[in-house]
Amino acid sequence: MYSPTAGQLTINEWPTLGSLIDSGKRVLAFMDNQADFSQVPYLIDEFSNMFEDAYGESSCSLLVVQPSLCSDKFADSQMSLSNLSGVD
């Protein structure tokens, strides 16, 4: 399981898929509540490291990634997570 070097990483500090595969660490675990890097470094705090688009989109035309759970200022520095609930 992947364990980051810090509790919060910018988008450019994350390993690539290739480097994860090469290292044999193919699992990333995120928690949305009470993740504590100092105690359990492999459980990554979700909202310190990524933003989500709106939940429940069901049309491909609506799948435009926009920060909804954090400020727009994070959109250029954090990973995005897309919530899909069945695409037309």
Protein backbone atom coordinates (compact mmCIF):
# COMPACT_ATOMS: atom_id res chain seq x y z
CA MET A 1 0.00 0.00 0.00
CA TYR A 2 1.28 3.46 -0.91
CA SER A 3 2.21 5.78 1.96
CA PRO A 4 2.89 9.43 1.02
CA THR A 5 5.89 11.37 2.32
CA ALA A 6 3.65 14.07 3.82
CA GLY A 7 0.04 14.47 4.91
CA GLN A 8 -0.72 16.84 2.03
CA LEU A 9 0.74 16.59 -1.45
CA THR A 10 0.32 18.82 -4.46
CA ILE A 11 -0.77 17.28 -7.75
CA ASN A 12 2.85 17.25 -8.97
CA GLU A 13 4.12 15.38 -5.88
CA TRP A 14 1.94 12.29 -6.39
CA PRO A 15 3.59 9.23 -7.92
CA THR A 16 2.64 8.22 -11.42
CA LEU A 17 0.72 5.02 -12.06
CA GLY A 18 3.88 3.56 -13.60
CA SER A 19 5.97 4.28 -10.51
CA LEU A 20 3.29 2.78 -8.26
CA ILE A 21 3.23 -0.39 -10.35
CA ASP A 22 7.03 -0.59 -10.45
CA SER A 23 7.21 -0.25 -6.65
CA GLY A 24 4.54 -2.91 -6.11
CA LYS A 25 2.37 -0.39 -4.24
CA ARG A 26 -0.84 -0.26 -6.24
CA VAL A 27 -3.34 0.70 -3.51
CA LEU A 28 -4.05 4.21 -2.26
CA ALA A 29 -6.43 4.51 0.71
CA PHE A 30 -8.26 7.79 1.35
CA MET A 31 -10.39 8.72 4.37
CA ASP A 32 -12.87 11.56 4.33
CA ASN A 33 -12.96 11.99 8.11
CA GLN A 34 -10.30 12.03 10.84
CA ALA A 35 -7.35 10.73 8.84
CA ASP A 36 -4.22 11.29 10.93
CA PHE A 37 -0.99 11.13 8.92
CA SER A 38 1.16 11.17 12.06
CA GLN A 39 -0.55 8.03 13.39
CA VAL A 40 -1.46 6.10 10.23
CA PRO A 41 0.47 7.54 7.28
CA TYR A 42 -1.02 5.20 4.66
CA LEU A 43 -4.58 6.46 5.32
CA ILE A 44 -4.57 9.66 3.28
CA ASP A 45 -6.83 12.58 4.16
CA GLU A 46 -9.10 12.96 1.15
CA PHE A 47 -10.02 16.63 1.36
CA SER A 48 -6.44 17.81 2.01
CA ASN A 49 -5.33 16.14 -1.21
CA MET A 50 -8.20 16.24 -3.70
CA PHE A 51 -11.44 17.92 -4.60
CA GLU A 52 -14.66 16.33 -5.80
CA ASP A 53 -17.08 17.31 -8.51
CA ALA A 54 -20.81 17.34 -7.82
CA TYR A 55 -22.19 13.97 -6.73
CA GLY A 56 -24.92 12.23 -8.71
CA GLU A 57 -24.22 13.38 -12.26
CA SER A 58 -25.67 10.88 -14.70
CA SER A 59 -25.07 12.47 -18.09
CA CYS A 60 -21.72 12.57 -19.87
CA SER A 61 -22.39 16.16 -20.90
CA LEU A 62 -22.52 17.15 -17.21
CA LEU A 63 -19.22 15.51 -16.27
CA VAL A 64 -17.15 18.66 -16.14
CA VAL A 65 -14.83 18.55 -13.15
CA GLN A 66 -15.47 21.58 -10.97
CA PRO A 67 -14.47 21.91 -7.32
CA SER A 68 -17.58 21.72 -5.17
CA LEU A 69 -16.38 20.72 -1.72
CA CYS A 70 -13.44 23.13 -1.50
CA SER A 71 -12.37 26.46 -2.86
CA ASP A 72 -11.55 26.91 -6.55
CA LYS A 73 -8.00 27.82 -5.50
CA PHE A 74 -7.26 24.09 -5.05
CA ALA A 75 -8.31 23.06 -8.57
CA ASP A 76 -4.83 23.67 -10.02
CA SER A 77 -2.93 22.01 -7.16
CA GLN A 78 -5.00 18.97 -6.14
CA MET A 79 -6.19 15.77 -7.75
CA SER A 80 -9.82 15.57 -8.79
CA LEU A 81 -12.28 12.83 -7.92
CA SER A 82 -15.29 12.28 -10.18
CA ASN A 83 -18.50 10.99 -8.67
CA LEU A 84 -20.54 8.94 -11.11
CA SER A 85 -23.93 7.43 -10.37
CA GLY A 86 -24.63 5.77 -13.69
CA VAL A 87 -23.83 7.41 -16.99
CA ASP A 88 -26.36 7.61 -19.84
